[in-house]
Amino acid sequence: MNLSNNLAKFIFNLNYQALPKPVVEKAKLCILHGVGLGLAGYDTHYAQMARDMVKRMTAGNNIKGATLLGEKEKLTPELSAFANAVQFHSRAQEDFYGALHFGPIIIPVVLAISEDLKKNGQELITALVIGYEVALALAKDFVKYSSSRGFRGTANYGIFGAVAAACKLMGLTEKQIVSAFGYASAFAFGNSHSLLAGTPEWRFQAGMAAMNGIMAAKLAQTGDGAETALVGKAGFYPSFAGVADLQEDKITDNLGKEYEILKIGFKPYPGNIYVQTPILSVQKMLTQHQILAEDIEKVIIYMHPQETVFPGITFQGPFTKEGQSILSVPYCVALVCLRKELKWQDYVNYQEKKVNELATRITVESAADINPFSCRVEFLLKNGSMFNFEMKISSMYYDFEPDEEVKVITRILQEFTLDFSYVEKVIKLPEIILTSDNIFGLLSQLALNK
């Protein structure tokens, strides 16, 4: 059997009863984080752009399919998934697996199709797990190759999580699922240039991957996609990763045996994953040593060498776009020194003079002795005092327990004028979804009445 057939077999055969309890609980946390961040991103410019566009595309149509998050309005699953995925991704605070972010793609897909087809919660959870597992199986050993060629893994591989989840919910046969991967391979896309440029195209990649995944599954219901589209001469892996002659069975060997979703982490703050540990380290130092921003002469952040070459990480300004501020360790650390806690609006107000001035005195250095996701911080104060702190962690540090994730989502939603009862609704949503016989209308209960 080739790779597409192996994937189709896994997708077709997996059922809710086969899912270990920790996997189900992790899926619920992914939903909580995704929906919570999606609601927090409702007012971002990018979410508004996406919603306005899909509404214009469907003006005058009486569509009652899938809910736009934060509203009561419903659109087709494809367009709803597109807009919601952009909204999920808008704050750059989504879940992660390394530098991959599949939650903003897969969760909007399963919510949209499940609502449109009136699926129950167990069916939704099963499809969500399938989406993560398939995307991660295809990406984890190859994203380093595609990234080195200028492609962005979240978009390139995320479409396969979307199509896998869509196929499961739509009840496609194994043959149709193979065909769907043919279409998805043809629709795969996405480079990283906008991260370098500080422009917002990367946020819309999540929306396109979600929409394209649903379209691929729908086309496969009646059309034949290439069986060898992933590994053929001009297929996905040779084109995006520059890899041929793969061990196809090895890629899918652990599907349904070891669940990669259990390794998903959650960002506590906006920004790419590599700014998170510097933020937390500096917060600890400021508290421990009672350091004031006005007393700081210089800060050095030592990070793993591969992290320091990530687009925008070392940028010290001047900041002219929010797309620069949200990726920059100097900017984020300057914010922490001045604010202690970070809010979305702090990233939007990127021209604030004090933040920009302090960022010029914060540098990022590569250090071979620092492990991935860890960092070492050195503070030099104007009076000559020096303080050091090293945070030694792995990515699993961000694998929050339910009570920790509830605190993160509560803190995020409290940035807005939302009453406690609304926050409680959000927190209870994953369990309500799981136990629901029909999820239609559940998201409408989270309308923000704006």
Protein backbone atom coordinates (compact mmCIF):
# COMPACT_ATOMS: atom_id res chain seq x y z
CA MET A 1 0.00 0.00 0.00
CA ASN A 2 1.24 3.52 -0.70
CA LEU A 3 1.12 6.51 1.62
CA SER A 4 -2.30 7.82 0.57
CA ASN A 5 -3.85 4.38 1.00
CA ASN A 6 -2.31 4.01 4.46
CA LEU A 7 -3.71 7.37 5.49
CA ALA A 8 -7.13 6.53 4.07
CA LYS A 9 -7.24 3.27 6.00
CA PHE A 10 -6.45 5.04 9.27
CA ILE A 11 -9.00 7.79 8.68
CA PHE A 12 -11.77 5.45 7.63
CA ASN A 13 -11.32 2.95 10.48
CA LEU A 14 -10.61 5.10 13.55
CA ASN A 15 -13.62 5.58 15.83
CA TYR A 16 -14.27 7.39 19.08
CA GLN A 17 -14.27 4.21 21.15
CA ALA A 18 -10.64 3.58 20.15
CA LEU A 19 -9.42 6.94 21.46
CA PRO A 20 -7.57 6.79 24.80
CA LYS A 21 -9.04 9.08 27.45
CA PRO A 22 -5.93 11.36 27.58
CA VAL A 23 -6.31 11.93 23.84
CA VAL A 24 -9.95 12.96 24.23
CA GLU A 25 -9.05 15.30 27.10
CA LYS A 26 -6.25 16.86 25.05
CA ALA A 27 -8.63 17.36 22.12
CA LYS A 28 -10.98 19.23 24.45
CA LEU A 29 -8.12 21.49 25.59
CA CYS A 30 -7.24 22.20 21.95
CA ILE A 31 -10.85 23.27 21.37
CA LEU A 32 -10.82 25.48 24.47
CA HIS A 33 -7.57 27.17 23.46
CA GLY A 34 -8.63 27.57 19.84
CA VAL A 35 -12.12 28.93 20.49
CA GLY A 36 -10.92 31.14 23.36
CA LEU A 37 -8.21 32.68 21.19
CA GLY A 38 -10.62 32.91 18.28
CA LEU A 39 -13.05 34.96 20.34
CA ALA A 40 -10.19 37.11 21.64
CA GLY A 41 -9.19 37.72 18.04
CA TYR A 42 -12.66 38.83 16.92
CA ASP A 43 -11.77 42.53 16.79
CA THR A 44 -8.39 42.14 15.11
CA HIS A 45 -8.07 43.78 11.72
CA TYR A 46 -7.32 40.43 10.05
CA ALA A 47 -10.44 38.73 11.41
CA GLN A 48 -12.54 41.69 10.30
CA MET A 49 -11.00 41.51 6.81
CA ALA A 50 -11.83 37.82 6.52
CA ARG A 51 -15.41 38.18 7.81
CA ASP A 52 -16.12 41.17 5.58
CA MET A 53 -14.87 39.33 2.52
CA VAL A 54 -16.90 36.15 3.02
CA LYS A 55 -20.02 38.17 3.84
CA ARG A 56 -19.66 40.11 0.59
CA MET A 57 -19.25 36.84 -1.28
CA THR A 58 -22.55 35.51 0.09
CA ALA A 59 -24.60 38.71 0.26
CA GLY A 60 -28.27 38.02 -0.41
CA ASN A 61 -27.97 34.26 0.05
CA ASN A 62 -30.00 32.50 2.72
CA ILE A 63 -27.33 30.15 4.08
CA LYS A 64 -27.80 28.23 7.32
CA GLY A 65 -24.73 26.08 7.58
CA ALA A 66 -21.82 26.96 9.84
CA THR A 67 -21.49 29.79 12.37
CA LEU A 68 -19.02 32.65 12.16
CA LEU A 69 -17.35 32.65 15.57
CA GLY A 70 -18.51 35.55 17.71
CA GLU A 71 -21.67 36.05 15.65
CA LYS A 72 -24.96 34.30 14.97
CA GLU A 73 -24.59 34.53 11.21
CA LYS A 74 -24.01 31.29 9.32
CA LEU A 75 -22.26 30.68 6.00
CA THR A 76 -21.17 27.68 3.97
CA PRO A 77 -18.71 25.41 5.80
CA GLU A 78 -15.88 26.43 3.46
CA LEU A 79 -16.30 30.16 4.00
CA SER A 80 -17.04 29.86 7.70
CA ALA A 81 -13.93 27.72 8.18
CA PHE A 82 -11.86 30.26 6.23
CA ALA A 83 -12.99 33.24 8.30
CA ASN A 84 -12.81 31.41 11.62
CA ALA A 85 -9.34 30.03 10.86
CA VAL A 86 -8.03 33.54 10.20
CA GLN A 87 -9.64 34.66 13.46
CA PHE A 88 -8.11 31.73 15.39
CA HIS A 89 -4.68 32.64 13.97
CA SER A 90 -5.01 36.42 14.27
CA ARG A 91 -3.28 36.90 17.65
CA ALA A 92 -0.49 34.41 16.87
CA GLN A 93 -1.27 32.71 20.18
CA GLU A 94 -2.47 29.35 18.91
CA ASP A 95 -1.40 25.85 19.88
CA PHE A 96 1.89 24.54 18.55
CA TYR A 97 4.02 21.50 17.74
CA GLY A 98 7.48 22.93 17.20
CA ALA A 99 6.86 25.79 14.78
CA LEU A 100 3.72 24.13 13.36
CA HIS A 101 0.25 25.47 14.18
CA PHE A 102 -2.49 23.11 13.07
CA GLY A 103 -5.21 24.03 15.58
CA PRO A 104 -6.26 27.22 13.74
CA ILE A 105 -6.84 25.09 10.63
CA ILE A 106 -8.30 21.84 11.92
CA ILE A 107 -10.61 23.15 14.67
CA PRO A 108 -12.52 25.58 12.39
CA VAL A 109 -12.92 22.75 9.86
CA VAL A 110 -14.41 20.27 12.33
CA LEU A 111 -16.66 22.92 13.88
CA ALA A 112 -17.95 24.06 10.47
CA ILE A 113 -18.62 20.64 8.96
CA SER A 114 -20.00 19.17 12.18
CA GLU A 115 -22.46 22.02 12.52
CA ASP A 116 -23.44 21.93 8.85
CA LEU A 117 -24.00 18.14 8.88
CA LYS A 118 -25.42 18.15 12.43
CA LYS A 119 -22.80 15.75 13.77
CA ASN A 120 -22.50 14.78 17.43
CA GLY A 121 -19.62 15.61 19.74
CA GLN A 122 -17.93 12.24 19.58
CA GLU A 123 -17.81 12.43 15.80
CA LEU A 124 -16.32 15.92 16.01
CA ILE A 125 -13.64 14.89 18.52
CA THR A 126 -12.70 11.83 16.43
CA ALA A 127 -12.31 13.95 13.30
CA LEU A 128 -10.28 16.54 15.20
CA VAL A 129 -7.85 13.90 16.48
CA ILE A 130 -7.56 12.43 12.98
CA GLY A 131 -6.76 15.86 11.59
CA TYR A 132 -3.95 16.48 14.06
CA GLU A 133 -2.52 12.97 13.74
CA VAL A 134 -2.45 12.97 9.94
CA ALA A 135 -0.97 16.47 9.64
CA LEU A 136 1.70 15.74 12.24
CA ALA A 137 2.60 12.35 10.76
CA LEU A 138 3.16 13.96 7.38
CA ALA A 139 5.02 16.98 8.74
CA LYS A 140 7.13 16.06 11.72
CA ASP A 141 10.10 14.49 9.91
CA PHE A 142 9.94 16.65 6.78
CA VAL A 143 9.05 20.21 7.76
CA LYS A 144 12.73 20.99 8.31
CA TYR A 145 13.34 20.33 4.62
CA SER A 146 10.39 22.31 3.32
CA SER A 147 11.11 25.22 5.71
CA SER A 148 14.70 25.42 4.46
CA ARG A 149 13.27 25.90 0.96
CA GLY A 150 11.22 28.92 2.07
CA PHE A 151 7.89 27.16 2.60
CA ARG A 152 5.76 27.56 5.74
CA GLY A 153 4.91 24.25 7.36
CA THR A 154 1.64 25.35 8.94
CA ALA A 155 0.12 26.02 5.53
CA ASN A 156 1.93 23.29 3.57
CA TYR A 157 0.99 20.42 5.87
CA GLY A 158 -2.06 21.92 7.56
CA ILE A 159 -4.25 21.29 4.52
CA PHE A 160 -3.77 17.56 5.06
CA GLY A 161 -5.13 17.80 8.59
CA ALA A 162 -8.08 19.74 7.20
CA VAL A 163 -8.85 17.26 4.44
CA ALA A 164 -8.44 14.27 6.76
CA ALA A 165 -10.89 15.69 9.30
CA ALA A 166 -13.33 16.69 6.55
CA CYS A 167 -13.23 13.25 4.96
CA LYS A 168 -14.04 11.59 8.27
CA LEU A 169 -17.01 13.84 9.04
CA MET A 170 -18.36 13.60 5.49
CA GLY A 171 -18.20 9.79 5.56
CA LEU A 172 -15.99 9.32 2.50
CA THR A 173 -14.96 5.82 1.48
CA GLU A 174 -11.30 4.76 1.55
CA LYS A 175 -11.10 5.21 -2.21
CA GLN A 176 -12.59 8.69 -1.98
CA ILE A 177 -10.20 9.62 0.82
CA VAL A 178 -7.23 8.62 -1.36
CA SER A 179 -8.68 10.86 -4.05
CA ALA A 180 -9.11 13.71 -1.55
CA PHE A 181 -5.40 13.59 -0.74
CA GLY A 182 -4.74 13.91 -4.45
CA TYR A 183 -6.73 17.12 -4.55
CA ALA A 184 -5.21 18.39 -1.29
CA SER A 185 -1.70 17.76 -2.61
CA ALA A 186 -2.55 19.83 -5.66
CA PHE A 187 -3.95 22.62 -3.47
CA ALA A 188 -1.02 22.71 -0.98
CA PHE A 189 0.71 26.09 -0.81
CA GLY A 190 2.37 28.71 1.34
CA ASN A 191 5.77 30.40 1.69
CA SER A 192 7.28 32.25 4.65
CA HIS A 193 8.09 35.56 3.02
CA SER A 194 5.41 37.54 4.84
CA LEU A 195 7.03 36.60 8.17
CA LEU A 196 10.26 38.17 6.95
CA ALA A 197 8.45 41.20 5.58
CA GLY A 198 6.34 41.73 8.72
CA THR A 199 3.14 41.64 6.65
CA PRO A 200 -0.05 39.68 7.48
CA GLU A 201 -0.41 37.16 4.64
CA TRP A 202 0.60 34.27 6.90
CA ARG A 203 -2.54 34.68 9.00
CA PHE A 204 -4.72 34.10 5.94
CA GLN A 205 -2.79 30.95 5.08
CA ALA A 206 -4.62 29.17 7.90
CA GLY A 207 -7.94 30.18 6.36
CA MET A 208 -6.92 29.05 2.89
CA ALA A 209 -5.67 25.70 4.19
CA ALA A 210 -8.95 25.10 6.04
CA MET A 211 -11.08 26.05 3.05
CA ASN A 212 -8.94 24.13 0.56
CA GLY A 213 -9.08 21.02 2.73
CA ILE A 214 -12.88 21.05 2.74
CA MET A 215 -12.97 21.68 -1.01
CA ALA A 216 -10.60 18.76 -1.61
CA ALA A 217 -12.86 16.42 0.35
CA LYS A 218 -15.97 17.63 -1.47
CA LEU A 219 -14.38 17.26 -4.90
CA ALA A 220 -13.27 13.73 -4.03
CA GLN A 221 -16.90 12.68 -3.56
CA THR A 222 -17.32 12.67 -7.33
CA GLY A 223 -13.82 13.12 -8.80
CA ASP A 224 -10.63 11.05 -8.92
CA GLY A 225 -7.47 12.55 -7.44
CA ALA A 226 -4.01 11.11 -8.01
CA GLU A 227 -3.20 8.14 -5.77
CA THR A 228 0.51 9.00 -5.79
CA ALA A 229 0.07 12.75 -5.31
CA LEU A 230 2.09 12.85 -2.08
CA VAL A 231 5.15 10.96 -3.30
CA GLY A 232 5.04 10.98 -7.11
CA LYS A 233 7.77 12.57 -9.22
CA ALA A 234 6.12 16.00 -9.15
CA GLY A 235 4.09 15.31 -6.00
CA PHE A 236 3.99 17.02 -2.63
CA TYR A 237 7.18 15.74 -0.98
CA PRO A 238 9.48 16.11 -4.00
CA SER A 239 8.07 19.58 -4.70
CA PHE A 240 7.90 21.06 -1.19
CA ALA A 241 10.53 19.13 0.76
CA GLY A 242 12.86 18.11 -2.08
CA VAL A 243 12.60 14.53 -0.82
CA ALA A 244 12.04 11.46 -2.98
CA ASP A 245 12.23 7.69 -2.35
CA LEU A 246 10.46 7.93 1.00
CA GLN A 247 9.79 5.01 3.30
CA GLU A 248 6.05 5.48 2.98
CA ASP A 249 5.02 2.87 5.55
CA LYS A 250 7.31 4.44 8.17
CA ILE A 251 5.41 7.75 7.97
CA THR A 252 2.17 6.10 9.04
CA ASP A 253 3.54 3.31 11.27
CA ASN A 254 2.50 4.93 14.55
CA LEU A 255 -0.91 6.26 13.55
CA GLY A 256 -3.40 5.09 16.14
CA LYS A 257 -0.61 3.75 18.36
CA GLU A 258 1.22 6.85 19.58
CA TYR A 259 -0.82 10.05 19.53
CA GLU A 260 1.16 13.13 18.59
CA ILE A 261 -1.68 15.40 19.72
CA LEU A 262 -0.52 14.70 23.27
CA LYS A 263 2.64 16.70 22.47
CA ILE A 264 0.73 19.83 21.46
CA GLY A 265 1.56 22.91 23.53
CA PHE A 266 -0.30 26.18 24.11
CA LYS A 267 1.15 29.68 23.90
CA PRO A 268 0.43 31.78 27.00
CA TYR A 269 1.07 35.06 25.13
CA PRO A 270 0.78 36.43 21.60
CA GLY A 271 3.86 35.98 19.44
CA ASN A 272 5.66 33.05 17.90
CA ILE A 273 6.59 30.13 20.11
CA TYR A 274 10.20 31.26 20.52
CA VAL A 275 9.28 34.50 22.30
CA GLN A 276 7.33 32.69 25.01
CA THR A 277 10.20 31.47 27.21
CA PRO A 278 12.04 34.83 27.12
CA ILE A 279 8.79 36.50 28.22
CA LEU A 280 8.32 34.09 31.14
CA SER A 281 12.00 34.25 32.13
CA VAL A 282 12.01 38.04 32.28
CA GLN A 283 8.74 38.08 34.24
CA LYS A 284 10.39 35.84 36.85
CA MET A 285 13.52 38.01 37.04
CA LEU A 286 11.62 41.26 37.38
CA THR A 287 9.63 39.84 40.29
CA GLN A 288 12.55 38.11 42.00
CA HIS A 289 14.96 41.06 41.84
CA GLN A 290 12.43 43.94 41.88
CA ILE A 291 13.92 45.33 38.68
CA LEU A 292 12.39 48.52 37.29
CA ALA A 293 12.41 49.33 33.57
CA GLU A 294 14.06 52.71 34.13
CA ASP A 295 17.02 51.01 35.87
CA ILE A 296 17.86 48.71 32.93
CA GLU A 297 21.02 49.41 30.93
CA LYS A 298 21.10 46.28 28.79
CA VAL A 299 19.50 42.83 28.46
CA ILE A 300 20.94 39.84 26.60
CA ILE A 301 18.77 36.83 25.75
CA TYR A 302 20.70 33.66 24.87
CA MET A 303 18.71 31.18 22.79
CA HIS A 304 19.18 27.94 20.84
CA PRO A 305 20.95 28.66 17.53
CA GLN A 306 18.07 27.41 15.35
CA GLU A 307 15.63 29.70 17.14
CA THR A 308 17.69 32.84 16.61
CA VAL A 309 17.39 32.55 12.82
CA PHE A 310 13.60 32.43 12.87
CA PRO A 311 12.17 35.41 10.93
CA GLY A 312 11.98 38.57 13.03
CA ILE A 313 13.26 37.05 16.30
CA THR A 314 16.28 39.34 16.75
CA PHE A 315 14.76 42.52 15.26
CA GLN A 316 15.32 45.57 17.51
CA GLY A 317 13.31 48.10 15.51
CA PRO A 318 12.31 50.61 14.54
CA PHE A 319 8.91 48.93 14.54
CA THR A 320 6.56 50.02 11.80
CA LYS A 321 4.17 47.05 11.71
CA GLU A 322 2.45 44.82 14.26
CA GLY A 323 3.80 41.92 12.21
CA GLN A 324 7.28 42.95 13.37
CA SER A 325 6.47 43.53 17.03
CA ILE A 326 4.76 40.19 17.54
CA LEU A 327 7.77 38.20 16.28
CA SER A 328 10.53 40.17 18.01
CA VAL A 329 12.11 39.00 21.27
CA PRO A 330 13.54 42.49 21.98
CA TYR A 331 10.10 44.06 21.56
CA CYS A 332 8.32 41.43 23.69
CA VAL A 333 10.94 41.63 26.45
CA ALA A 334 10.77 45.43 26.42
CA LEU A 335 7.00 45.17 26.84
CA VAL A 336 7.40 42.82 29.79
CA CYS A 337 9.88 45.17 31.45
CA LEU A 338 7.45 48.07 31.10
CA ARG A 339 4.10 46.26 31.58
CA LYS A 340 4.81 42.96 33.44
CA GLU A 341 1.71 41.41 31.79
CA LEU A 342 1.11 41.60 28.04
CA LYS A 343 -2.10 42.37 26.20
CA TRP A 344 -2.91 42.30 22.52
CA GLN A 345 -3.17 46.08 22.30
CA ASP A 346 0.46 46.37 23.42
CA TYR A 347 1.55 44.71 20.18
CA VAL A 348 -0.71 46.93 18.08
CA ASN A 349 0.71 50.10 19.68
CA TYR A 350 4.13 49.22 18.25
CA GLN A 351 5.27 52.84 17.88
CA GLU A 352 5.30 53.64 21.58
CA LYS A 353 8.54 55.52 22.21
CA LYS A 354 9.54 53.88 25.53
CA VAL A 355 9.10 50.36 24.17
CA ASN A 356 11.06 51.09 21.02
CA GLU A 357 13.90 52.76 22.91
CA LEU A 358 14.25 49.90 25.40
CA ALA A 359 14.12 47.30 22.59
CA THR A 360 17.31 48.76 21.12
CA ARG A 361 19.12 47.77 24.33
CA ILE A 362 17.87 44.19 24.28
CA THR A 363 19.84 41.76 22.13
CA VAL A 364 19.41 38.11 21.20
CA GLU A 365 22.49 35.91 21.02
CA SER A 366 22.93 32.37 19.74
CA ALA A 367 24.28 29.90 22.32
CA ALA A 368 25.06 26.27 21.53
CA ASP A 369 24.63 25.24 25.16
CA ILE A 370 20.98 26.37 25.27
CA ASN A 371 18.40 23.69 24.51
CA PRO A 372 15.36 24.34 22.28
CA PHE A 373 12.58 26.28 24.06
CA SER A 374 15.00 27.29 26.84
CA CYS A 375 16.87 30.56 27.30
CA ARG A 376 19.36 32.38 29.50
CA VAL A 377 18.81 36.01 30.43
CA GLU A 378 21.41 38.55 31.59
CA PHE A 379 20.38 41.92 33.02
CA LEU A 380 22.86 44.77 33.40
CA LEU A 381 21.50 47.69 35.42
CA LYS A 382 22.60 51.31 35.23
CA ASN A 383 24.12 51.06 38.73
CA GLY A 384 26.42 48.24 37.56
CA SER A 385 24.43 45.38 39.11
CA MET A 386 24.10 42.17 37.06
CA PHE A 387 21.50 39.40 37.30
CA ASN A 388 21.34 36.07 35.47
CA PHE A 389 18.61 33.50 35.07
CA GLU A 390 18.36 30.37 32.93
CA MET A 391 15.06 28.68 32.19
CA LYS A 392 15.71 25.06 31.23
CA ILE A 393 12.57 23.53 29.77
CA SER A 394 11.28 21.53 26.81
CA SER A 395 8.24 22.20 24.65
CA MET A 396 6.22 20.02 27.04
CA TYR A 397 6.42 22.83 29.60
CA TYR A 398 3.61 24.39 27.56
CA ASP A 399 1.48 21.23 27.68
CA PHE A 400 -0.83 22.84 30.19
CA GLU A 401 -3.07 20.95 32.57
CA PRO A 402 -6.78 21.86 32.29
CA ASP A 403 -6.70 24.28 35.23
CA GLU A 404 -3.65 26.06 33.79
CA GLU A 405 -5.30 26.40 30.38
CA VAL A 406 -8.48 27.74 31.98
CA LYS A 407 -6.37 30.44 33.68
CA VAL A 408 -4.75 31.36 30.35
CA ILE A 409 -8.08 31.64 28.53
CA THR A 410 -9.69 33.53 31.43
CA ARG A 411 -6.81 36.04 31.47
CA ILE A 412 -7.04 36.52 27.71
CA LEU A 413 -10.81 37.02 27.65
CA GLN A 414 -10.56 39.47 30.56
CA GLU A 415 -8.72 41.84 28.23
CA PHE A 416 -12.21 42.61 26.94
CA THR A 417 -15.40 43.74 28.64
CA LEU A 418 -16.86 40.24 28.92
CA ASP A 419 -18.78 39.26 32.03
CA PHE A 420 -17.91 36.18 34.05
CA SER A 421 -20.90 34.20 32.79
CA TYR A 422 -19.66 34.55 29.20
CA VAL A 423 -16.18 33.34 30.13
CA GLU A 424 -17.79 30.38 31.90
CA LYS A 425 -19.65 29.50 28.69
CA VAL A 426 -16.38 29.40 26.78
CA ILE A 427 -14.70 27.23 29.41
CA LYS A 428 -17.58 24.75 29.44
CA LEU A 429 -17.89 24.55 25.64
CA PRO A 430 -15.53 21.57 25.00
CA GLU A 431 -17.43 19.31 27.42
CA ILE A 432 -20.77 20.50 26.04
CA ILE A 433 -19.56 19.67 22.53
CA LEU A 434 -18.36 16.22 23.55
CA THR A 435 -21.68 15.26 25.15
CA SER A 436 -23.88 16.85 22.48
CA ASP A 437 -25.99 14.75 20.12
CA ASN A 438 -25.99 17.59 17.60
CA ILE A 439 -23.62 20.54 17.79
CA PHE A 440 -25.72 22.73 15.48
CA GLY A 441 -26.15 26.16 17.06
CA LEU A 442 -23.65 25.74 19.91
CA LEU A 443 -21.25 28.37 18.55
CA SER A 444 -24.11 30.82 18.08
CA GLN A 445 -24.46 30.91 21.87
CA LEU A 446 -21.06 32.63 21.99
CA ALA A 447 -22.18 35.58 19.86
CA LEU A 448 -20.55 38.77 21.10
CA ASN A 449 -23.55 40.94 20.11
CA LYS A 450 -21.37 43.43 18.27
